[in-house]
């Protein structure tokens, strides 16, 4: 099931190690909301952090495309560079 908005945020928080499937519309809504913090050909970090992790690094909502599917996960900048 593809999640959007509050259902997506809740699933990302409840399953921090999982990529949660979302919609193409959600992907584009988030990409167009503020300039990305980081971006490559596979995905991006939303420009404003959600919070900080235990080490004090900012955590961002990350969105990626894989084939015709879209996914989201909360990541730090260094995690984005490794995972996306």
PDB file of N, CA and C in Angstrom:
ATOM      1  N   UNK A   1       0.830  -1.172   0.000  1.00  0.00           N
ATOM      2  CA  UNK A   1       0.000   0.000   0.000  1.00  0.00           C
ATOM      3  C   UNK A   1       0.884   1.248   0.000  1.00  0.00           C
ATOM      4  N   UNK A   2       0.616   2.173  -0.886  1.00  0.00           N
ATOM      5  CA  UNK A   2       1.381   3.407  -0.999  1.00  0.00           C
ATOM      6  C   UNK A   2       0.805   4.448  -0.050  1.00  0.00           C
ATOM      7  N   UNK A   3       1.674   5.001   0.795  1.00  0.00           N
ATOM      8  CA  UNK A   3       1.230   5.927   1.826  1.00  0.00           C
ATOM      9  C   UNK A   3       1.572   7.370   1.474  1.00  0.00           C
ATOM     10  N   UNK A   4       0.757   8.293   1.974  1.00  0.00           N
ATOM     11  CA  UNK A   4       1.006   9.722   1.831  1.00  0.00           C
ATOM     12  C   UNK A   4       0.807  10.407   3.172  1.00  0.00           C
ATOM     13  N   UNK A   5       1.355  11.582   3.285  1.00  0.00           N
ATOM     14  CA  UNK A   5       1.187  12.516   4.390  1.00  0.00           C
ATOM     15  C   UNK A   5       1.276  11.854   5.763  1.00  0.00           C
ATOM     16  N   UNK A   6       0.321  12.062   6.646  1.00  0.00           N
ATOM     17  CA  UNK A   6       0.488  11.607   8.029  1.00  0.00           C
ATOM     18  C   UNK A   6       0.695  10.099   8.122  1.00  0.00           C
ATOM     19  N   UNK A   7       0.022   9.328   7.298  1.00  0.00           N
ATOM     20  CA  UNK A   7       0.236   7.875   7.314  1.00  0.00           C
ATOM     21  C   UNK A   7       1.671   7.524   6.949  1.00  0.00           C
ATOM     22  N   UNK A   8       2.244   8.253   6.007  1.00  0.00           N
ATOM     23  CA  UNK A   8       3.634   8.027   5.608  1.00  0.00           C
ATOM     24  C   UNK A   8       4.574   8.412   6.739  1.00  0.00           C
ATOM     25  N   UNK A   9       4.388   9.603   7.316  1.00  0.00           N
ATOM     26  CA  UNK A   9       5.271  10.044   8.418  1.00  0.00           C
ATOM     27  C   UNK A   9       5.216   9.043   9.575  1.00  0.00           C
ATOM     28  N   UNK A  10       4.019   8.573   9.910  1.00  0.00           N
ATOM     29  CA  UNK A  10       3.873   7.612  11.006  1.00  0.00           C
ATOM     30  C   UNK A  10       4.602   6.308  10.700  1.00  0.00           C
ATOM     31  N   UNK A  11       4.471   5.818   9.480  1.00  0.00           N
ATOM     32  CA  UNK A  11       5.138   4.563   9.090  1.00  0.00           C
ATOM     33  C   UNK A  11       6.654   4.725   9.079  1.00  0.00           C
ATOM     34  N   UNK A  12       7.139   5.880   8.638  1.00  0.00           N
ATOM     35  CA  UNK A  12       8.585   6.125   8.626  1.00  0.00           C
ATOM     36  C   UNK A  12       9.142   6.156  10.043  1.00  0.00           C
ATOM     37  N   UNK A  13       8.407   6.747  10.954  1.00  0.00           N
ATOM     38  CA  UNK A  13       8.846   6.812  12.340  1.00  0.00           C
ATOM     39  C   UNK A  13       8.785   5.441  13.010  1.00  0.00           C
ATOM     40  N   UNK A  14       7.742   4.670  12.721  1.00  0.00           N
ATOM     41  CA  UNK A  14       7.564   3.354  13.338  1.00  0.00           C
ATOM     42  C   UNK A  14       8.526   2.304  12.785  1.00  0.00           C
ATOM     43  N   UNK A  15       9.011   2.508  11.557  1.00  0.00           N
ATOM     44  CA  UNK A  15       9.890   1.533  10.883  1.00  0.00           C
ATOM     45  C   UNK A  15      11.124   2.244  10.339  1.00  0.00           C
ATOM     46  N   UNK A  16      12.002   2.754  11.217  1.00  0.00           N
ATOM     47  CA  UNK A  16      13.105   3.601  10.766  1.00  0.00           C
ATOM     48  C   UNK A  16      14.116   2.927   9.838  1.00  0.00           C
ATOM     49  N   UNK A  17      14.193   1.623   9.828  1.00  0.00           N
ATOM     50  CA  UNK A  17      15.152   0.951   8.953  1.00  0.00           C
ATOM     51  C   UNK A  17      14.550   0.547   7.605  1.00  0.00           C
ATOM     52  N   UNK A  18      13.261   0.775   7.422  1.00  0.00           N
ATOM     53  CA  UNK A  18      12.555   0.353   6.204  1.00  0.00           C
ATOM     54  C   UNK A  18      12.321   1.513   5.240  1.00  0.00           C
ATOM     55  N   UNK A  19      12.391   1.225   3.946  1.00  0.00           N
ATOM     56  CA  UNK A  19      11.918   2.159   2.932  1.00  0.00           C
ATOM     57  C   UNK A  19      10.417   1.939   2.800  1.00  0.00           C
ATOM     58  N   UNK A  20       9.637   2.999   2.971  1.00  0.00           N
ATOM     59  CA  UNK A  20       8.183   2.931   2.943  1.00  0.00           C
ATOM     60  C   UNK A  20       7.700   3.391   1.569  1.00  0.00           C
ATOM     61  N   UNK A  21       6.859   2.580   0.939  1.00  0.00           N
ATOM     62  CA  UNK A  21       6.384   2.939  -0.392  1.00  0.00           C
ATOM     63  C   UNK A  21       5.407   4.114  -0.319  1.00  0.00           C
ATOM     64  N   UNK A  22       5.595   5.059  -1.230  1.00  0.00           N
ATOM     65  CA  UNK A  22       4.748   6.230  -1.322  1.00  0.00           C
ATOM     66  C   UNK A  22       4.331   6.437  -2.775  1.00  0.00           C
ATOM     67  N   UNK A  23       3.682   7.534  -3.036  1.00  0.00           N
ATOM     68  CA  UNK A  23       3.164   7.800  -4.379  1.00  0.00           C
ATOM     69  C   UNK A  23       4.077   8.752  -5.147  1.00  0.00           C
ATOM     70  N   UNK A  24       3.926   8.748  -6.446  1.00  0.00           N
ATOM     71  CA  UNK A  24       4.657   9.684  -7.292  1.00  0.00           C
ATOM     72  C   UNK A  24       4.275  11.118  -6.918  1.00  0.00           C
ATOM     73  N   UNK A  25       3.000  11.343  -6.631  1.00  0.00           N
ATOM     74  CA  UNK A  25       2.544  12.677  -6.256  1.00  0.00           C
ATOM     75  C   UNK A  25       3.228  13.154  -4.981  1.00  0.00           C
ATOM     76  N   UNK A  26       3.331  12.294  -3.986  1.00  0.00           N
ATOM     77  CA  UNK A  26       3.985  12.667  -2.731  1.00  0.00           C
ATOM     78  C   UNK A  26       5.451  12.999  -2.980  1.00  0.00           C
ATOM     79  N   UNK A  27       6.120  12.190  -3.787  1.00  0.00           N
ATOM     80  CA  UNK A  27       7.516  12.427  -4.153  1.00  0.00           C
ATOM     81  C   UNK A  27       7.660  13.839  -4.725  1.00  0.00           C
ATOM     82  N   UNK A  28       6.845  14.172  -5.697  1.00  0.00           N
ATOM     83  CA  UNK A  28       6.950  15.479  -6.358  1.00  0.00           C
ATOM     84  C   UNK A  28       6.498  16.613  -5.450  1.00  0.00           C
ATOM     85  N   UNK A  29       5.489  16.403  -4.637  1.00  0.00           N
ATOM     86  CA  UNK A  29       5.072  17.442  -3.688  1.00  0.00           C
ATOM     87  C   UNK A  29       6.229  17.801  -2.757  1.00  0.00           C
ATOM     88  N   UNK A  30       6.949  16.817  -2.268  1.00  0.00           N
ATOM     89  CA  UNK A  30       8.053  17.062  -1.353  1.00  0.00           C
ATOM     90  C   UNK A  30       9.258  17.663  -2.081  1.00  0.00           C
ATOM     91  N   UNK A  31       9.529  17.221  -3.287  1.00  0.00           N
ATOM     92  CA  UNK A  31      10.648  17.771  -4.051  1.00  0.00           C
ATOM     93  C   UNK A  31      10.425  19.249  -4.359  1.00  0.00           C
ATOM     94  N   UNK A  32       9.175  19.618  -4.606  1.00  0.00           N
ATOM     95  CA  UNK A  32       8.862  20.993  -4.986  1.00  0.00           C
ATOM     96  C   UNK A  32       8.555  21.907  -3.797  1.00  0.00           C
ATOM     97  N   UNK A  33       8.575  21.369  -2.568  1.00  0.00           N
ATOM     98  CA  UNK A  33       8.203  22.180  -1.400  1.00  0.00           C
ATOM     99  C   UNK A  33       9.306  23.169  -1.003  1.00  0.00           C
ATOM    100  N   UNK A  34      10.521  22.716  -0.871  1.00  0.00           N
ATOM    101  CA  UNK A  34      11.685  23.559  -0.566  1.00  0.00           C
ATOM    102  C   UNK A  34      12.872  22.971  -1.317  1.00  0.00           C
ATOM    103  N   UNK A  35      13.913  23.756  -1.582  1.00  0.00           N
ATOM    104  CA  UNK A  35      15.081  23.186  -2.260  1.00  0.00           C
ATOM    105  C   UNK A  35      15.654  22.009  -1.471  1.00  0.00           C
ATOM    106  N   UNK A  36      16.041  20.934  -2.159  1.00  0.00           N
ATOM    107  CA  UNK A  36      16.578  19.754  -1.466  1.00  0.00           C
ATOM    108  C   UNK A  36      17.881  20.062  -0.727  1.00  0.00           C
ATOM    109  N   UNK A  37      18.106  19.373   0.372  1.00  0.00           N
ATOM    110  CA  UNK A  37      19.390  19.456   1.092  1.00  0.00           C
ATOM    111  C   UNK A  37      20.466  18.754   0.277  1.00  0.00           C
ATOM    112  N   UNK A  38      20.095  17.636  -0.334  1.00  0.00           N
ATOM    113  CA  UNK A  38      20.998  16.870  -1.208  1.00  0.00           C
ATOM    114  C   UNK A  38      20.126  16.167  -2.237  1.00  0.00           C
ATOM    115  N   UNK A  39      20.709  15.922  -3.404  1.00  0.00           N
ATOM    116  CA  UNK A  39      19.948  15.282  -4.479  1.00  0.00           C
ATOM    117  C   UNK A  39      20.914  14.570  -5.414  1.00  0.00           C
ATOM    118  N   UNK A  40      20.468  13.435  -5.943  1.00  0.00           N
ATOM    119  CA  UNK A  40      21.187  12.762  -7.011  1.00  0.00           C
ATOM    120  C   UNK A  40      20.149  12.198  -7.975  1.00  0.00           C
ATOM    121  N   UNK A  41      20.567  11.398  -8.912  1.00  0.00           N
ATOM    122  CA  UNK A  41      19.639  10.896  -9.928  1.00  0.00           C
ATOM    123  C   UNK A  41      18.616   9.908  -9.378  1.00  0.00           C
ATOM    124  N   UNK A  42      18.828   9.403  -8.161  1.00  0.00           N
ATOM    125  CA  UNK A  42      17.920   8.413  -7.582  1.00  0.00           C
ATOM    126  C   UNK A  42      16.980   8.986  -6.528  1.00  0.00           C
ATOM    127  N   UNK A  43      17.337  10.120  -5.916  1.00  0.00           N
ATOM    128  CA  UNK A  43      16.488  10.644  -4.866  1.00  0.00           C
ATOM    129  C   UNK A  43      16.988  11.947  -4.284  1.00  0.00           C
ATOM    130  N   UNK A  44      16.385  12.351  -3.168  1.00  0.00           N
ATOM    131  CA  UNK A  44      16.732  13.628  -2.550  1.00  0.00           C
ATOM    132  C   UNK A  44      16.375  13.625  -1.064  1.00  0.00           C
ATOM    133  N   UNK A  45      17.007  14.542  -0.338  1.00  0.00           N
ATOM    134  CA  UNK A  45      16.647  14.848   1.040  1.00  0.00           C
ATOM    135  C   UNK A  45      15.847  16.142   1.022  1.00  0.00           C
ATOM    136  N   UNK A  46      14.714  16.165   1.705  1.00  0.00           N
ATOM    137  CA  UNK A  46      13.925  17.391   1.824  1.00  0.00           C
ATOM    138  C   UNK A  46      14.800  18.438   2.520  1.00  0.00           C
ATOM    139  N   UNK A  47      14.717  19.680   2.091  1.00  0.00           N
ATOM    140  CA  UNK A  47      15.630  20.737   2.522  1.00  0.00           C
ATOM    141  C   UNK A  47      15.622  21.106   3.985  1.00  0.00           C
ATOM    142  N   UNK A  48      14.569  20.832   4.701  1.00  0.00           N
ATOM    143  CA  UNK A  48      14.508  21.178   6.122  1.00  0.00           C
ATOM    144  C   UNK A  48      14.544  19.915   6.971  1.00  0.00           C
ATOM    145  N   UNK A  49      15.435  19.864   7.978  1.00  0.00           N
ATOM    146  CA  UNK A  49      15.508  18.669   8.820  1.00  0.00           C
ATOM    147  C   UNK A  49      14.273  18.504   9.697  1.00  0.00           C
ATOM    148  N   UNK A  50      13.982  17.245  10.010  1.00  0.00           N
ATOM    149  CA  UNK A  50      12.866  16.900  10.898  1.00  0.00           C
ATOM    150  C   UNK A  50      13.264  17.009  12.361  1.00  0.00           C
ATOM    151  N   UNK A  51      14.490  16.569  12.647  1.00  0.00           N
ATOM    152  CA  UNK A  51      15.003  16.523  14.011  1.00  0.00           C
ATOM    153  C   UNK A  51      16.498  16.212  13.930  1.00  0.00           C
ATOM    154  N   UNK A  52      17.083  15.899  15.072  1.00  0.00           N
ATOM    155  CA  UNK A  52      18.480  15.462  15.134  1.00  0.00           C
ATOM    156  C   UNK A  52      18.526  14.050  15.701  1.00  0.00           C
ATOM    157  N   UNK A  53      19.585  13.303  15.325  1.00  0.00           N
ATOM    158  CA  UNK A  53      19.757  11.975  15.909  1.00  0.00           C
ATOM    159  C   UNK A  53      20.531  12.084  17.226  1.00  0.00           C
ATOM    160  N   UNK A  54      20.834  10.970  17.844  1.00  0.00           N
ATOM    161  CA  UNK A  54      21.517  10.955  19.143  1.00  0.00           C
ATOM    162  C   UNK A  54      22.906  11.592  19.087  1.00  0.00           C
ATOM    163  N   UNK A  55      23.528  11.587  17.898  1.00  0.00           N
ATOM    164  CA  UNK A  55      24.854  12.181  17.732  1.00  0.00           C
ATOM    165  C   UNK A  55      24.778  13.669  17.362  1.00  0.00           C
ATOM    166  N   UNK A  56      23.563  14.188  17.229  1.00  0.00           N
ATOM    167  CA  UNK A  56      23.394  15.597  16.910  1.00  0.00           C
ATOM    168  C   UNK A  56      23.340  15.931  15.430  1.00  0.00           C
ATOM    169  N   UNK A  57      23.316  14.904  14.565  1.00  0.00           N
ATOM    170  CA  UNK A  57      23.237  15.142  13.126  1.00  0.00           C
ATOM    171  C   UNK A  57      21.781  15.303  12.697  1.00  0.00           C
ATOM    172  N   UNK A  58      21.510  16.262  11.807  1.00  0.00           N
ATOM    173  CA  UNK A  58      20.136  16.459  11.338  1.00  0.00           C
ATOM    174  C   UNK A  58      19.605  15.235  10.588  1.00  0.00           C
ATOM    175  N   UNK A  59      18.322  14.960  10.802  1.00  0.00           N
ATOM    176  CA  UNK A  59      17.623  13.884  10.094  1.00  0.00           C
ATOM    177  C   UNK A  59      16.621  14.538   9.145  1.00  0.00           C
ATOM    178  N   UNK A  60      16.635  14.062   7.902  1.00  0.00           N
ATOM    179  CA  UNK A  60      15.765  14.603   6.860  1.00  0.00           C
ATOM    180  C   UNK A  60      14.859  13.503   6.320  1.00  0.00           C
ATOM    181  N   UNK A  61      13.705  13.891   5.804  1.00  0.00           N
ATOM    182  CA  UNK A  61      12.890  12.962   5.032  1.00  0.00           C
ATOM    183  C   UNK A  61      13.593  12.766   3.696  1.00  0.00           C
ATOM    184  N   UNK A  62      13.769  11.521   3.310  1.00  0.00           N
ATOM    185  CA  UNK A  62      14.420  11.181   2.050  1.00  0.00           C
ATOM    186  C   UNK A  62      13.400  10.492   1.154  1.00  0.00           C
ATOM    187  N   UNK A  63      13.437  10.838  -0.104  1.00  0.00           N
ATOM    188  CA  UNK A  63      12.568  10.210  -1.098  1.00  0.00           C
ATOM    189  C   UNK A  63      13.431   9.695  -2.232  1.00  0.00           C
ATOM    190  N   UNK A  64      13.092   8.496  -2.712  1.00  0.00           N
ATOM    191  CA  UNK A  64      13.835   7.945  -3.841  1.00  0.00           C
ATOM    192  C   UNK A  64      12.876   7.258  -4.806  1.00  0.00           C
ATOM    193  N   UNK A  65      13.355   7.141  -6.041  1.00  0.00           N
ATOM    194  CA  UNK A  65      12.603   6.441  -7.083  1.00  0.00           C
ATOM    195  C   UNK A  65      13.389   5.198  -7.462  1.00  0.00           C
ATOM    196  N   UNK A  66      12.677   4.089  -7.618  1.00  0.00           N
ATOM    197  CA  UNK A  66      13.280   2.846  -8.066  1.00  0.00           C
ATOM    198  C   UNK A  66      12.341   2.232  -9.100  1.00  0.00           C
ATOM    199  N   UNK A  67      12.728   2.285 -10.363  1.00  0.00           N
ATOM    200  CA  UNK A  67      11.832   1.845 -11.424  1.00  0.00           C
ATOM    201  C   UNK A  67      10.639   2.771 -11.475  1.00  0.00           C
ATOM    202  N   UNK A  68       9.444   2.215 -11.377  1.00  0.00           N
ATOM    203  CA  UNK A  68       8.219   3.018 -11.353  1.00  0.00           C
ATOM    204  C   UNK A  68       7.668   3.193  -9.945  1.00  0.00           C
ATOM    205  N   UNK A  69       8.470   2.883  -8.925  1.00  0.00           N
ATOM    206  CA  UNK A  69       8.027   2.951  -7.541  1.00  0.00           C
ATOM    207  C   UNK A  69       8.774   4.050  -6.790  1.00  0.00           C
ATOM    208  N   UNK A  70       8.110   4.582  -5.765  1.00  0.00           N
ATOM    209  CA  UNK A  70       8.652   5.674  -4.966  1.00  0.00           C
ATOM    210  C   UNK A  70       8.657   5.265  -3.505  1.00  0.00           C
ATOM    211  N   UNK A  71       9.712   5.676  -2.789  1.00  0.00           N
ATOM    212  CA  UNK A  71       9.897   5.272  -1.399  1.00  0.00           C
ATOM    213  C   UNK A  71      10.369   6.444  -0.559  1.00  0.00           C
ATOM    214  N   UNK A  72      10.161   6.337   0.752  1.00  0.00           N
ATOM    215  CA  UNK A  72      10.602   7.362   1.682  1.00  0.00           C
ATOM    216  C   UNK A  72      11.197   6.724   2.927  1.00  0.00           C
ATOM    217  N   UNK A  73      12.135   7.449   3.528  1.00  0.00           N
ATOM    218  CA  UNK A  73      12.803   6.987   4.742  1.00  0.00           C
ATOM    219  C   UNK A  73      13.485   8.205   5.369  1.00  0.00           C
ATOM    220  N   UNK A  74      13.596   8.249   6.682  1.00  0.00           N
ATOM    221  CA  UNK A  74      14.313   9.333   7.345  1.00  0.00           C
ATOM    222  C   UNK A  74      15.799   8.990   7.408  1.00  0.00           C
ATOM    223  N   UNK A  75      16.634   9.930   6.930  1.00  0.00           N
ATOM    224  CA  UNK A  75      18.080   9.701   6.863  1.00  0.00           C
ATOM    225  C   UNK A  75      18.857  10.957   7.218  1.00  0.00           C
ATOM    226  N   UNK A  76      20.092  10.763   7.677  1.00  0.00           N
ATOM    227  CA  UNK A  76      21.036  11.866   7.790  1.00  0.00           C
ATOM    228  C   UNK A  76      21.686  12.070   6.422  1.00  0.00           C
ATOM    229  N   UNK A  77      22.427  13.142   6.267  1.00  0.00           N
ATOM    230  CA  UNK A  77      23.122  13.395   5.009  1.00  0.00           C
ATOM    231  C   UNK A  77      24.114  12.279   4.691  1.00  0.00           C
ATOM    232  N   UNK A  78      24.868  11.824   5.683  1.00  0.00           N
ATOM    233  CA  UNK A  78      25.844  10.753   5.429  1.00  0.00           C
ATOM    234  C   UNK A  78      25.143   9.438   5.076  1.00  0.00           C
ATOM    235  N   UNK A  79      24.014   9.144   5.687  1.00  0.00           N
ATOM    236  CA  UNK A  79      23.261   7.931   5.336  1.00  0.00           C
ATOM    237  C   UNK A  79      22.730   8.033   3.903  1.00  0.00           C
ATOM    238  N   UNK A  80      22.262   9.214   3.521  1.00  0.00           N
ATOM    239  CA  UNK A  80      21.791   9.432   2.152  1.00  0.00           C
ATOM    240  C   UNK A  80      22.895   9.109   1.148  1.00  0.00           C
ATOM    241  N   UNK A  81      24.102   9.566   1.414  1.00  0.00           N
ATOM    242  CA  UNK A  81      25.229   9.340   0.498  1.00  0.00           C
ATOM    243  C   UNK A  81      25.546   7.861   0.346  1.00  0.00           C
ATOM    244  N   UNK A  82      25.268   7.061   1.352  1.00  0.00           N
ATOM    245  CA  UNK A  82      25.527   5.626   1.298  1.00  0.00           C
ATOM    246  C   UNK A  82      24.343   4.871   0.694  1.00  0.00           C
ATOM    247  N   UNK A  83      23.110   5.206   1.073  1.00  0.00           N
ATOM    248  CA  UNK A  83      21.943   4.418   0.716  1.00  0.00           C
ATOM    249  C   UNK A  83      21.258   4.802  -0.604  1.00  0.00           C
ATOM    250  N   UNK A  84      21.445   6.047  -1.043  1.00  0.00           N
ATOM    251  CA  UNK A  84      20.683   6.481  -2.229  1.00  0.00           C
ATOM    252  C   UNK A  84      21.639   6.732  -3.387  1.00  0.00           C
TER     253      UNK A  84
END
